[in-house]
Amino acid sequence: MADTLRAALDVALVPLFTLLGSPVTGLELVAFGLSLWMVACNLRVNPLAWPLAMAASALYGVLFAHSRLYGEASLQLFFIAVAGWGWWQWLRGRGDDGQALRVHRLTPRVRLQVALATAAAWPLVALLLDHATDSDVPWLDALPTVASVTGQLLLGRKLVENWPTWLFVNVVSIGLFAVKGLWLTVLLYALFAVLSVVGWRAWRRLESSGAAHG
């Protein structure tokens, strides 16, 4: 079984073509497509986004580990676990009023607390990556890693603030993946950045209208 899985991964990581001088594998191509589909579902508050997130995260976990981006690779395992929670929240979750979970926003005080907690976690994760792995970009890897944890938790509770958080993550990630020569993933995160703005505007309208679902 292990040999079969290893052989399948070897095939998935075979370059199909080059983009800006860097190889693009079949695994990266499939993960790219699943990720775009996932974000399209998030924009519409469609729960299908969560199983798509699980599949895309599994593929990206392999890709990032192969590229020595250990913070991002570990993050994908977190994403898979939290996707189950997020899926449940979107299907059965309740707001503070006991009603079905709706698109809403944080209070200014909680928003500040979330931002400070995210900022405080960055150097901790960076130092961990620097001392426990052979990562050559521990600080740049750690920043979108910790911010992505925040974004995923906010998304799971249908909080509008997940979109500006993802916008920040996506902009930083563009630089990170460019350093690693993952150009298809750079393109993906550039598209994600644009879609973050679109999602932010769409969810603000949903929050203003009090809509529970897209």
N, C-alpha and C. Protein backbone atom coordinates (compact mmCIF):
# COMPACT_ATOMS: atom_id res chain seq x y z
N MET A 1 0.83 -1.21 0.00
CA MET A 1 0.00 0.00 0.00
C MET A 1 0.86 1.26 0.00
N ALA A 2 1.88 1.24 0.87
CA ALA A 2 2.76 2.41 0.96
C ALA A 2 3.51 2.62 -0.35
N ASP A 3 3.93 1.51 -0.95
CA ASP A 3 4.65 1.61 -2.22
C ASP A 3 3.75 2.15 -3.32
N THR A 4 2.48 1.74 -3.31
CA THR A 4 1.52 2.22 -4.31
C THR A 4 1.29 3.72 -4.15
N LEU A 5 1.13 4.16 -2.90
CA LEU A 5 0.92 5.58 -2.63
C LEU A 5 2.14 6.40 -3.04
N ARG A 6 3.31 5.88 -2.73
CA ARG A 6 4.54 6.58 -3.10
C ARG A 6 4.68 6.70 -4.62
N ALA A 7 4.31 5.64 -5.31
CA ALA A 7 4.38 5.65 -6.77
C ALA A 7 3.39 6.65 -7.35
N ALA A 8 2.19 6.72 -6.75
CA ALA A 8 1.19 7.67 -7.22
C ALA A 8 1.65 9.11 -7.01
N LEU A 9 2.29 9.36 -5.88
CA LEU A 9 2.80 10.70 -5.60
C LEU A 9 3.92 11.07 -6.57
N ASP A 10 4.76 10.09 -6.87
CA ASP A 10 5.85 10.35 -7.82
C ASP A 10 5.29 10.76 -9.18
N VAL A 11 4.21 10.08 -9.60
CA VAL A 11 3.58 10.42 -10.88
C VAL A 11 2.95 11.81 -10.80
N ALA A 12 2.27 12.11 -9.69
CA ALA A 12 1.59 13.40 -9.53
C ALA A 12 2.57 14.56 -9.51
N LEU A 13 3.80 14.29 -9.07
CA LEU A 13 4.81 15.35 -8.97
C LEU A 13 5.71 15.45 -10.20
N VAL A 14 5.40 14.68 -11.23
CA VAL A 14 6.14 14.79 -12.49
C VAL A 14 5.73 16.08 -13.19
N PRO A 15 6.67 16.94 -13.59
CA PRO A 15 6.31 18.19 -14.28
C PRO A 15 5.58 17.93 -15.60
N LEU A 16 4.50 18.68 -15.81
CA LEU A 16 3.74 18.58 -17.07
C LEU A 16 4.20 19.63 -18.07
N PHE A 17 4.57 20.81 -17.54
CA PHE A 17 5.06 21.90 -18.38
C PHE A 17 5.80 22.88 -17.48
N THR A 18 6.43 23.86 -18.05
CA THR A 18 7.12 24.88 -17.26
C THR A 18 6.40 26.22 -17.40
N LEU A 19 6.45 27.00 -16.33
CA LEU A 19 5.85 28.33 -16.32
C LEU A 19 6.88 29.29 -15.73
N LEU A 20 7.32 30.23 -16.54
CA LEU A 20 8.36 31.18 -16.13
C LEU A 20 9.61 30.45 -15.64
N GLY A 21 9.92 29.35 -16.31
CA GLY A 21 11.14 28.61 -16.00
C GLY A 21 11.02 27.61 -14.87
N SER A 22 9.85 27.50 -14.24
CA SER A 22 9.67 26.56 -13.14
C SER A 22 8.66 25.48 -13.53
N PRO A 23 8.87 24.24 -13.09
CA PRO A 23 7.97 23.15 -13.47
C PRO A 23 6.61 23.26 -12.80
N VAL A 24 5.58 22.86 -13.52
CA VAL A 24 4.22 22.78 -12.98
C VAL A 24 3.80 21.31 -13.03
N THR A 25 3.45 20.75 -11.90
CA THR A 25 3.08 19.33 -11.82
C THR A 25 1.57 19.15 -11.97
N GLY A 26 1.18 17.91 -12.24
CA GLY A 26 -0.23 17.59 -12.30
C GLY A 26 -0.92 17.83 -10.98
N LEU A 27 -0.21 17.55 -9.88
CA LEU A 27 -0.77 17.77 -8.55
C LEU A 27 -1.10 19.24 -8.34
N GLU A 28 -0.18 20.12 -8.71
CA GLU A 28 -0.41 21.55 -8.54
C GLU A 28 -1.57 22.02 -9.42
N LEU A 29 -1.68 21.46 -10.62
CA LEU A 29 -2.74 21.86 -11.55
C LEU A 29 -4.12 21.49 -11.00
N VAL A 30 -4.25 20.27 -10.47
CA VAL A 30 -5.53 19.84 -9.91
C VAL A 30 -5.87 20.66 -8.66
N ALA A 31 -4.88 20.90 -7.80
CA ALA A 31 -5.10 21.71 -6.60
C ALA A 31 -5.54 23.12 -6.97
N PHE A 32 -4.97 23.65 -8.03
CA PHE A 32 -5.33 24.98 -8.54
C PHE A 32 -6.82 25.03 -8.88
N GLY A 33 -7.28 24.04 -9.66
CA GLY A 33 -8.68 24.03 -10.07
C GLY A 33 -9.63 23.86 -8.89
N LEU A 34 -9.32 22.95 -7.98
CA LEU A 34 -10.18 22.74 -6.80
C LEU A 34 -10.26 23.99 -5.94
N SER A 35 -9.14 24.71 -5.83
CA SER A 35 -9.11 25.91 -4.99
C SER A 35 -9.99 27.02 -5.56
N LEU A 36 -9.96 27.18 -6.86
CA LEU A 36 -10.82 28.19 -7.48
C LEU A 36 -12.30 27.84 -7.29
N TRP A 37 -12.62 26.58 -7.45
CA TRP A 37 -14.00 26.13 -7.25
C TRP A 37 -14.42 26.38 -5.80
N MET A 38 -13.51 26.12 -4.86
CA MET A 38 -13.80 26.34 -3.45
C MET A 38 -14.13 27.80 -3.17
N VAL A 39 -13.31 28.73 -3.69
CA VAL A 39 -13.54 30.14 -3.43
C VAL A 39 -14.85 30.60 -4.06
N ALA A 40 -15.16 30.08 -5.24
CA ALA A 40 -16.44 30.42 -5.88
C ALA A 40 -17.61 30.01 -4.99
N CYS A 41 -17.49 28.87 -4.33
CA CYS A 41 -18.54 28.43 -3.40
C CYS A 41 -18.58 29.30 -2.15
N ASN A 42 -17.41 29.71 -1.65
CA ASN A 42 -17.37 30.60 -0.49
C ASN A 42 -18.08 31.92 -0.78
N LEU A 43 -17.87 32.44 -1.98
CA LEU A 43 -18.51 33.70 -2.35
C LEU A 43 -20.02 33.60 -2.25
N ARG A 44 -20.57 32.43 -2.57
CA ARG A 44 -22.01 32.21 -2.56
C ARG A 44 -22.50 31.59 -1.26
N VAL A 45 -21.60 31.48 -0.28
CA VAL A 45 -21.92 30.86 1.02
C VAL A 45 -22.50 29.46 0.79
N ASN A 46 -21.87 28.71 -0.11
CA ASN A 46 -22.30 27.36 -0.45
C ASN A 46 -21.46 26.36 0.34
N PRO A 47 -22.08 25.48 1.16
CA PRO A 47 -21.32 24.54 1.99
C PRO A 47 -20.43 23.58 1.21
N LEU A 48 -20.64 23.44 -0.09
CA LEU A 48 -19.76 22.59 -0.90
C LEU A 48 -18.31 23.06 -0.82
N ALA A 49 -18.12 24.32 -0.45
CA ALA A 49 -16.75 24.86 -0.32
C ALA A 49 -15.90 24.03 0.63
N TRP A 50 -16.49 23.47 1.67
CA TRP A 50 -15.70 22.80 2.71
C TRP A 50 -15.11 21.47 2.25
N PRO A 51 -15.87 20.55 1.62
CA PRO A 51 -15.21 19.35 1.11
C PRO A 51 -14.20 19.66 0.01
N LEU A 52 -14.47 20.69 -0.78
CA LEU A 52 -13.48 21.10 -1.78
C LEU A 52 -12.20 21.59 -1.10
N ALA A 53 -12.37 22.30 0.01
CA ALA A 53 -11.21 22.78 0.78
C ALA A 53 -10.38 21.61 1.30
N MET A 54 -11.05 20.55 1.75
CA MET A 54 -10.33 19.37 2.24
C MET A 54 -9.47 18.76 1.15
N ALA A 55 -10.06 18.59 -0.04
CA ALA A 55 -9.34 17.97 -1.15
C ALA A 55 -8.16 18.84 -1.60
N ALA A 56 -8.41 20.14 -1.76
CA ALA A 56 -7.34 21.04 -2.20
C ALA A 56 -6.23 21.12 -1.17
N SER A 57 -6.59 21.15 0.11
CA SER A 57 -5.58 21.23 1.17
C SER A 57 -4.70 19.99 1.20
N ALA A 58 -5.29 18.82 0.98
CA ALA A 58 -4.50 17.59 0.96
C ALA A 58 -3.45 17.64 -0.14
N LEU A 59 -3.85 18.12 -1.32
CA LEU A 59 -2.91 18.19 -2.44
C LEU A 59 -1.84 19.25 -2.19
N TYR A 60 -2.25 20.41 -1.69
CA TYR A 60 -1.26 21.45 -1.43
C TYR A 60 -0.33 21.08 -0.28
N GLY A 61 -0.80 20.28 0.67
CA GLY A 61 0.08 19.84 1.74
C GLY A 61 1.27 19.05 1.19
N VAL A 62 0.98 18.18 0.23
CA VAL A 62 2.05 17.41 -0.40
C VAL A 62 2.98 18.33 -1.20
N LEU A 63 2.38 19.24 -1.97
CA LEU A 63 3.17 20.15 -2.80
C LEU A 63 4.09 21.03 -1.95
N PHE A 64 3.56 21.59 -0.87
CA PHE A 64 4.35 22.49 -0.04
C PHE A 64 5.45 21.75 0.71
N ALA A 65 5.15 20.54 1.18
CA ALA A 65 6.19 19.75 1.84
C ALA A 65 7.31 19.43 0.86
N HIS A 66 6.94 19.13 -0.38
CA HIS A 66 7.93 18.86 -1.42
C HIS A 66 8.80 20.09 -1.70
N SER A 67 8.23 21.29 -1.48
CA SER A 67 8.96 22.55 -1.71
C SER A 67 9.62 23.10 -0.45
N ARG A 68 9.60 22.31 0.64
CA ARG A 68 10.18 22.71 1.94
C ARG A 68 9.50 23.92 2.55
N LEU A 69 8.23 24.08 2.28
CA LEU A 69 7.42 25.12 2.92
C LEU A 69 6.63 24.43 4.05
N TYR A 70 7.32 24.17 5.16
CA TYR A 70 6.75 23.32 6.18
C TYR A 70 5.63 23.98 6.96
N GLY A 71 5.70 25.30 7.12
CA GLY A 71 4.61 26.00 7.78
C GLY A 71 3.33 25.89 6.96
N GLU A 72 3.45 26.13 5.66
CA GLU A 72 2.29 26.03 4.78
C GLU A 72 1.80 24.59 4.69
N ALA A 73 2.71 23.62 4.67
CA ALA A 73 2.32 22.21 4.60
C ALA A 73 1.55 21.81 5.86
N SER A 74 2.05 22.19 7.02
CA SER A 74 1.36 21.88 8.28
C SER A 74 0.01 22.56 8.34
N LEU A 75 -0.06 23.76 7.78
CA LEU A 75 -1.31 24.51 7.76
C LEU A 75 -2.40 23.75 7.02
N GLN A 76 -2.02 23.02 5.98
CA GLN A 76 -3.02 22.28 5.21
C GLN A 76 -3.68 21.19 6.06
N LEU A 77 -2.91 20.58 6.97
CA LEU A 77 -3.50 19.60 7.88
C LEU A 77 -4.52 20.27 8.80
N PHE A 78 -4.18 21.46 9.25
CA PHE A 78 -5.12 22.23 10.07
C PHE A 78 -6.36 22.56 9.27
N PHE A 79 -6.18 22.96 8.01
CA PHE A 79 -7.31 23.31 7.16
C PHE A 79 -8.26 22.12 7.00
N ILE A 80 -7.70 20.93 6.82
CA ILE A 80 -8.54 19.75 6.64
C ILE A 80 -9.38 19.50 7.89
N ALA A 81 -8.75 19.62 9.06
CA ALA A 81 -9.47 19.41 10.32
C ALA A 81 -10.54 20.46 10.53
N VAL A 82 -10.18 21.73 10.30
CA VAL A 82 -11.13 22.82 10.53
C VAL A 82 -12.24 22.82 9.49
N ALA A 83 -11.97 22.28 8.30
CA ALA A 83 -13.00 22.24 7.27
C ALA A 83 -14.20 21.41 7.72
N GLY A 84 -13.94 20.34 8.47
CA GLY A 84 -15.05 19.56 9.01
C GLY A 84 -15.89 20.39 9.97
N TRP A 85 -15.20 21.15 10.82
CA TRP A 85 -15.90 22.04 11.75
C TRP A 85 -16.66 23.13 11.00
N GLY A 86 -16.03 23.73 10.00
CA GLY A 86 -16.67 24.78 9.23
C GLY A 86 -17.89 24.28 8.48
N TRP A 87 -17.77 23.09 7.93
CA TRP A 87 -18.89 22.47 7.20
C TRP A 87 -20.09 22.31 8.15
N TRP A 88 -19.81 21.82 9.33
CA TRP A 88 -20.88 21.66 10.32
C TRP A 88 -21.47 23.02 10.71
N GLN A 89 -20.61 24.01 10.91
CA GLN A 89 -21.10 25.34 11.29
C GLN A 89 -22.05 25.90 10.24
N TRP A 90 -21.66 25.74 8.96
CA TRP A 90 -22.50 26.31 7.91
C TRP A 90 -23.82 25.56 7.75
N LEU A 91 -23.83 24.27 8.09
CA LEU A 91 -25.04 23.48 7.95
C LEU A 91 -25.91 23.52 9.20
N ARG A 92 -25.27 23.52 10.39
CA ARG A 92 -26.04 23.40 11.63
C ARG A 92 -25.70 24.46 12.68
N GLY A 93 -24.74 25.33 12.39
CA GLY A 93 -24.28 26.29 13.39
C GLY A 93 -25.34 27.31 13.77
N ARG A 94 -25.20 27.84 14.97
CA ARG A 94 -26.13 28.85 15.50
C ARG A 94 -25.36 30.10 15.91
N GLY A 95 -26.00 31.24 15.75
CA GLY A 95 -25.42 32.49 16.19
C GLY A 95 -25.69 32.72 17.66
N ASP A 96 -25.26 33.88 18.18
CA ASP A 96 -25.45 34.20 19.59
C ASP A 96 -26.93 34.30 19.96
N ASP A 97 -27.77 34.57 18.95
CA ASP A 97 -29.20 34.67 19.19
C ASP A 97 -29.92 33.33 19.12
N GLY A 98 -29.17 32.26 18.90
CA GLY A 98 -29.78 30.94 18.82
C GLY A 98 -30.36 30.60 17.47
N GLN A 99 -30.33 31.55 16.55
CA GLN A 99 -30.86 31.32 15.21
C GLN A 99 -29.78 30.73 14.31
N ALA A 100 -30.19 30.27 13.12
CA ALA A 100 -29.22 29.72 12.17
C ALA A 100 -28.12 30.73 11.91
N LEU A 101 -26.90 30.23 11.78
CA LEU A 101 -25.74 31.10 11.61
C LEU A 101 -25.88 31.96 10.36
N ARG A 102 -25.68 33.27 10.53
CA ARG A 102 -25.78 34.21 9.42
C ARG A 102 -24.46 34.93 9.22
N VAL A 103 -24.29 35.52 8.06
CA VAL A 103 -23.13 36.38 7.81
C VAL A 103 -23.22 37.57 8.75
N HIS A 104 -22.15 37.80 9.52
CA HIS A 104 -22.15 38.91 10.48
C HIS A 104 -20.72 39.39 10.66
N ARG A 105 -20.49 40.34 11.56
CA ARG A 105 -19.15 40.89 11.76
C ARG A 105 -18.79 40.96 13.23
N LEU A 106 -17.50 41.08 13.49
CA LEU A 106 -16.98 41.21 14.85
C LEU A 106 -17.23 42.62 15.38
N THR A 107 -17.24 42.73 16.72
CA THR A 107 -17.23 44.06 17.32
C THR A 107 -15.82 44.64 17.18
N PRO A 108 -15.67 45.97 17.21
CA PRO A 108 -14.32 46.55 17.10
C PRO A 108 -13.34 46.02 18.14
N ARG A 109 -13.80 45.77 19.36
CA ARG A 109 -12.91 45.28 20.41
C ARG A 109 -12.40 43.88 20.08
N VAL A 110 -13.30 43.00 19.69
CA VAL A 110 -12.89 41.63 19.36
C VAL A 110 -12.02 41.63 18.11
N ARG A 111 -12.32 42.50 17.17
CA ARG A 111 -11.51 42.60 15.95
C ARG A 111 -10.06 42.94 16.29
N LEU A 112 -9.86 43.88 17.22
CA LEU A 112 -8.51 44.25 17.66
C LEU A 112 -7.83 43.08 18.36
N GLN A 113 -8.58 42.37 19.20
CA GLN A 113 -8.01 41.23 19.92
C GLN A 113 -7.54 40.15 18.95
N VAL A 114 -8.33 39.90 17.92
CA VAL A 114 -7.97 38.89 16.92
C VAL A 114 -6.70 39.31 16.18
N ALA A 115 -6.62 40.60 15.81
CA ALA A 115 -5.44 41.09 15.10
C ALA A 115 -4.18 40.99 15.96
N LEU A 116 -4.29 41.34 17.24
CA LEU A 116 -3.14 41.27 18.15
C LEU A 116 -2.70 39.83 18.39
N ALA A 117 -3.66 38.92 18.52
CA ALA A 117 -3.32 37.51 18.74
C ALA A 117 -2.60 36.93 17.52
N THR A 118 -3.05 37.33 16.33
CA THR A 118 -2.42 36.86 15.10
C THR A 118 -0.99 37.39 15.00
N ALA A 119 -0.81 38.67 15.30
CA ALA A 119 0.52 39.28 15.25
C ALA A 119 1.46 38.64 16.26
N ALA A 120 0.95 38.30 17.44
CA ALA A 120 1.79 37.70 18.47
C ALA A 120 2.21 36.29 18.10
N ALA A 121 1.37 35.58 17.35
CA ALA A 121 1.69 34.20 16.97
C ALA A 121 2.75 34.12 15.88
N TRP A 122 2.88 35.18 15.08
CA TRP A 122 3.81 35.15 13.94
C TRP A 122 5.25 34.83 14.35
N PRO A 123 5.88 35.59 15.29
CA PRO A 123 7.28 35.27 15.63
C PRO A 123 7.42 33.91 16.29
N LEU A 124 6.41 33.45 17.00
CA LEU A 124 6.48 32.14 17.64
C LEU A 124 6.58 31.02 16.60
N VAL A 125 5.73 31.11 15.57
CA VAL A 125 5.75 30.10 14.52
C VAL A 125 7.03 30.22 13.68
N ALA A 126 7.47 31.46 13.43
CA ALA A 126 8.69 31.66 12.65
C ALA A 126 9.90 31.06 13.35
N LEU A 127 10.01 31.27 14.65
CA LEU A 127 11.14 30.71 15.41
C LEU A 127 11.08 29.19 15.44
N LEU A 128 9.86 28.65 15.53
CA LEU A 128 9.70 27.19 15.51
C LEU A 128 10.19 26.62 14.18
N LEU A 129 9.77 27.25 13.07
CA LEU A 129 10.20 26.78 11.76
C LEU A 129 11.71 26.93 11.59
N ASP A 130 12.26 28.02 12.13
CA ASP A 130 13.69 28.29 11.98
C ASP A 130 14.54 27.25 12.72
N HIS A 131 14.06 26.81 13.88
CA HIS A 131 14.86 25.90 14.70
C HIS A 131 14.52 24.43 14.50
N ALA A 132 13.29 24.13 14.06
CA ALA A 132 12.86 22.74 13.99
C ALA A 132 12.84 22.16 12.58
N THR A 133 13.04 23.00 11.57
CA THR A 133 13.01 22.52 10.19
C THR A 133 14.19 23.10 9.40
N ASP A 134 14.31 22.67 8.15
CA ASP A 134 15.35 23.23 7.29
C ASP A 134 14.78 24.28 6.34
N SER A 135 13.68 24.91 6.75
CA SER A 135 13.06 25.97 5.94
C SER A 135 14.06 27.09 5.70
N ASP A 136 14.09 27.59 4.46
CA ASP A 136 14.97 28.71 4.15
C ASP A 136 14.22 30.04 4.14
N VAL A 137 12.92 30.01 4.45
CA VAL A 137 12.14 31.25 4.53
C VAL A 137 11.19 31.19 5.73
N PRO A 138 11.71 30.96 6.95
CA PRO A 138 10.82 30.72 8.09
C PRO A 138 9.90 31.89 8.42
N TRP A 139 10.41 33.11 8.34
CA TRP A 139 9.58 34.26 8.70
C TRP A 139 8.51 34.54 7.64
N LEU A 140 8.90 34.43 6.39
CA LEU A 140 7.94 34.66 5.31
C LEU A 140 6.92 33.54 5.25
N ASP A 141 7.31 32.33 5.60
CA ASP A 141 6.41 31.19 5.64
C ASP A 141 5.44 31.31 6.80
N ALA A 142 5.92 31.80 7.94
CA ALA A 142 5.11 31.83 9.16
C ALA A 142 3.99 32.87 9.09
N LEU A 143 4.23 34.00 8.42
CA LEU A 143 3.24 35.08 8.43
C LEU A 143 1.91 34.66 7.80
N PRO A 144 1.88 34.16 6.56
CA PRO A 144 0.59 33.72 6.03
C PRO A 144 0.05 32.48 6.72
N THR A 145 0.94 31.71 7.35
CA THR A 145 0.48 30.53 8.08
C THR A 145 -0.42 30.92 9.24
N VAL A 146 0.05 31.83 10.09
CA VAL A 146 -0.75 32.21 11.26
C VAL A 146 -1.98 33.01 10.85
N ALA A 147 -1.84 33.87 9.84
CA ALA A 147 -2.99 34.65 9.39
C ALA A 147 -4.05 33.76 8.75
N SER A 148 -3.62 32.66 8.12
CA SER A 148 -4.57 31.73 7.52
C SER A 148 -5.40 31.01 8.59
N VAL A 149 -4.77 30.71 9.72
CA VAL A 149 -5.52 30.10 10.82
C VAL A 149 -6.65 31.04 11.24
N THR A 150 -6.32 32.31 11.39
CA THR A 150 -7.32 33.31 11.75
C THR A 150 -8.42 33.37 10.69
N GLY A 151 -8.01 33.45 9.43
CA GLY A 151 -8.99 33.55 8.36
C GLY A 151 -9.94 32.36 8.31
N GLN A 152 -9.40 31.16 8.54
CA GLN A 152 -10.22 29.95 8.47
C GLN A 152 -11.26 29.92 9.59
N LEU A 153 -10.85 30.33 10.79
CA LEU A 153 -11.79 30.36 11.91
C LEU A 153 -12.88 31.41 11.70
N LEU A 154 -12.50 32.56 11.16
CA LEU A 154 -13.48 33.60 10.87
C LEU A 154 -14.46 33.15 9.78
N LEU A 155 -13.93 32.47 8.77
CA LEU A 155 -14.77 31.96 7.69
C LEU A 155 -15.77 30.94 8.21
N GLY A 156 -15.31 30.05 9.08
CA GLY A 156 -16.19 29.01 9.62
C GLY A 156 -17.38 29.58 10.38
N ARG A 157 -17.20 30.75 11.00
CA ARG A 157 -18.30 31.38 11.74
C ARG A 157 -19.02 32.45 10.91
N LYS A 158 -18.77 32.45 9.59
CA LYS A 158 -19.44 33.38 8.66
C LYS A 158 -19.22 34.84 9.06
N LEU A 159 -18.01 35.16 9.47
CA LEU A 159 -17.67 36.53 9.84
C LEU A 159 -17.09 37.27 8.64
N VAL A 160 -17.59 38.47 8.38
CA VAL A 160 -17.17 39.27 7.23
C VAL A 160 -15.66 39.48 7.23
N GLU A 161 -15.07 39.59 8.42
CA GLU A 161 -13.63 39.88 8.52
C GLU A 161 -12.74 38.79 7.94
N ASN A 162 -13.31 37.64 7.61
CA ASN A 162 -12.47 36.61 7.00
C ASN A 162 -11.91 37.10 5.67
N TRP A 163 -12.64 37.95 4.94
CA TRP A 163 -12.20 38.36 3.61
C TRP A 163 -11.02 39.32 3.62
N PRO A 164 -11.00 40.39 4.45
CA PRO A 164 -9.76 41.18 4.51
C PRO A 164 -8.58 40.39 5.05
N THR A 165 -8.86 39.42 5.93
CA THR A 165 -7.78 38.56 6.42
C THR A 165 -7.19 37.74 5.27
N TRP A 166 -8.06 37.16 4.43
CA TRP A 166 -7.57 36.39 3.29
C TRP A 166 -6.88 37.28 2.27
N LEU A 167 -7.33 38.52 2.13
CA LEU A 167 -6.65 39.44 1.22
C LEU A 167 -5.20 39.64 1.66
N PHE A 168 -4.99 39.84 2.94
CA PHE A 168 -3.64 39.98 3.48
C PHE A 168 -2.83 38.71 3.24
N VAL A 169 -3.43 37.56 3.57
CA VAL A 169 -2.75 36.28 3.38
C VAL A 169 -2.33 36.09 1.92
N ASN A 170 -3.24 36.40 1.02
CA ASN A 170 -2.98 36.16 -0.39
C ASN A 170 -1.86 37.06 -0.93
N VAL A 171 -1.83 38.30 -0.51
CA VAL A 171 -0.79 39.23 -0.98
C VAL A 171 0.58 38.77 -0.49
N VAL A 172 0.67 38.40 0.79
CA VAL A 172 1.95 37.92 1.33
C VAL A 172 2.35 36.61 0.66
N SER A 173 1.38 35.73 0.41
CA SER A 173 1.66 34.43 -0.19
C SER A 173 2.17 34.55 -1.62
N ILE A 174 1.74 35.57 -2.32
CA ILE A 174 2.25 35.80 -3.68
C ILE A 174 3.77 35.93 -3.64
N GLY A 175 4.27 36.72 -2.69
CA GLY A 175 5.71 36.87 -2.55
C GLY A 175 6.39 35.58 -2.13
N LEU A 176 5.76 34.86 -1.20
CA LEU A 176 6.34 33.61 -0.70
C LEU A 176 6.48 32.58 -1.82
N PHE A 177 5.43 32.38 -2.59
CA PHE A 177 5.47 31.36 -3.63
C PHE A 177 6.32 31.80 -4.83
N ALA A 178 6.45 33.10 -5.03
CA ALA A 178 7.35 33.59 -6.07
C ALA A 178 8.79 33.25 -5.72
N VAL A 179 9.14 33.41 -4.45
CA VAL A 179 10.48 33.05 -4.00
C VAL A 179 10.78 31.57 -4.28
N LYS A 180 9.74 30.74 -4.15
CA LYS A 180 9.89 29.31 -4.34
C LYS A 180 9.70 28.88 -5.80
N GLY A 181 9.35 29.80 -6.67
CA GLY A 181 9.17 29.47 -8.08
C GLY A 181 7.92 28.67 -8.38
N LEU A 182 6.93 28.73 -7.49
CA LEU A 182 5.65 28.04 -7.72
C LEU A 182 4.72 29.00 -8.45
N TRP A 183 4.99 29.19 -9.74
CA TRP A 183 4.34 30.28 -10.47
C TRP A 183 2.85 30.06 -10.71
N LEU A 184 2.42 28.83 -10.88
CA LEU A 184 0.98 28.60 -11.02
C LEU A 184 0.26 28.94 -9.72
N THR A 185 0.90 28.62 -8.60
CA THR A 185 0.32 28.96 -7.31
C THR A 185 0.37 30.46 -7.06
N VAL A 186 1.40 31.14 -7.58
CA VAL A 186 1.43 32.61 -7.52
C VAL A 186 0.22 33.17 -8.26
N LEU A 187 -0.06 32.64 -9.45
CA LEU A 187 -1.23 33.08 -10.21
C LEU A 187 -2.51 32.82 -9.44
N LEU A 188 -2.59 31.63 -8.81
CA LEU A 188 -3.78 31.29 -8.03
C LEU A 188 -4.00 32.30 -6.91
N TYR A 189 -2.93 32.64 -6.19
CA TYR A 189 -3.08 33.55 -5.06
C TYR A 189 -3.33 34.99 -5.51
N ALA A 190 -2.87 35.34 -6.71
CA ALA A 190 -3.23 36.64 -7.26
C ALA A 190 -4.73 36.69 -7.55
N LEU A 191 -5.26 35.59 -8.11
CA LEU A 191 -6.71 35.50 -8.32
C LEU A 191 -7.45 35.51 -6.99
N PHE A 192 -6.89 34.79 -6.00
CA PHE A 192 -7.49 34.79 -4.67
C PHE A 192 -7.58 36.21 -4.10
N ALA A 193 -6.53 37.01 -4.32
CA ALA A 193 -6.52 38.38 -3.80
C ALA A 193 -7.67 39.19 -4.39
N VAL A 194 -7.86 39.05 -5.70
CA VAL A 194 -8.97 39.75 -6.35
C VAL A 194 -10.31 39.24 -5.82
N LEU A 195 -10.43 37.90 -5.70
CA LEU A 195 -11.68 37.32 -5.21
C LEU A 195 -11.94 37.67 -3.74
N SER A 196 -10.88 37.94 -2.98
CA SER A 196 -11.06 38.36 -1.59
C SER A 196 -11.79 39.70 -1.52
N VAL A 197 -11.43 40.58 -2.43
CA VAL A 197 -12.12 41.88 -2.49
C VAL A 197 -13.57 41.69 -2.91
N VAL A 198 -13.78 40.83 -3.90
CA VAL A 198 -15.15 40.54 -4.36
C VAL A 198 -15.97 39.93 -3.23
N GLY A 199 -15.38 38.96 -2.52
CA GLY A 199 -16.07 38.33 -1.41
C GLY A 199 -16.37 39.28 -0.27
N TRP A 200 -15.42 40.16 0.01
CA TRP A 200 -15.61 41.16 1.06
C TRP A 200 -16.82 42.03 0.76
N ARG A 201 -16.93 42.49 -0.47
CA ARG A 201 -18.06 43.34 -0.86
C ARG A 201 -19.37 42.55 -0.83
N ALA A 202 -19.32 41.31 -1.32
CA ALA A 202 -20.54 40.49 -1.36
C ALA A 202 -21.05 40.17 0.04
N TRP A 203 -20.13 39.81 0.95
CA TRP A 203 -20.56 39.46 2.30
C TRP A 203 -20.99 40.69 3.09
N ARG A 204 -20.43 41.85 2.79
CA ARG A 204 -20.91 43.07 3.45
C ARG A 204 -22.36 43.34 3.06
N ARG A 205 -22.70 43.07 1.79
CA ARG A 205 -24.09 43.24 1.37
C ARG A 205 -24.99 42.22 2.06
N LEU A 206 -24.51 40.97 2.17
CA LEU A 206 -25.30 39.95 2.85
C LEU A 206 -25.51 40.31 4.33
N GLU A 207 -24.45 40.82 4.95
CA GLU A 207 -24.55 41.19 6.37
C GLU A 207 -25.55 42.34 6.56
N SER A 208 -25.51 43.28 5.63
CA SER A 208 -26.43 44.43 5.73
C SER A 208 -27.88 44.01 5.54
N SER A 209 -28.08 43.00 4.68
CA SER A 209 -29.45 42.55 4.40
C SER A 209 -29.94 41.51 5.42
N GLY A 210 -29.00 41.02 6.26
CA GLY A 210 -29.36 40.02 7.27
C GLY A 210 -29.58 38.64 6.70
N ALA A 211 -29.04 38.37 5.50
CA ALA A 211 -29.24 37.07 4.86
C ALA A 211 -28.44 35.98 5.57
N ALA A 212 -29.05 34.85 5.75
CA ALA A 212 -28.35 33.73 6.38
C ALA A 212 -27.54 32.94 5.37
N HIS A 213 -28.01 32.89 4.17
CA HIS A 213 -27.38 32.06 3.15
C HIS A 213 -27.24 32.88 1.87
N GLY A 214 -26.25 32.43 1.01
CA GLY A 214 -26.09 33.07 -0.28
C GLY A 214 -27.15 32.60 -1.23
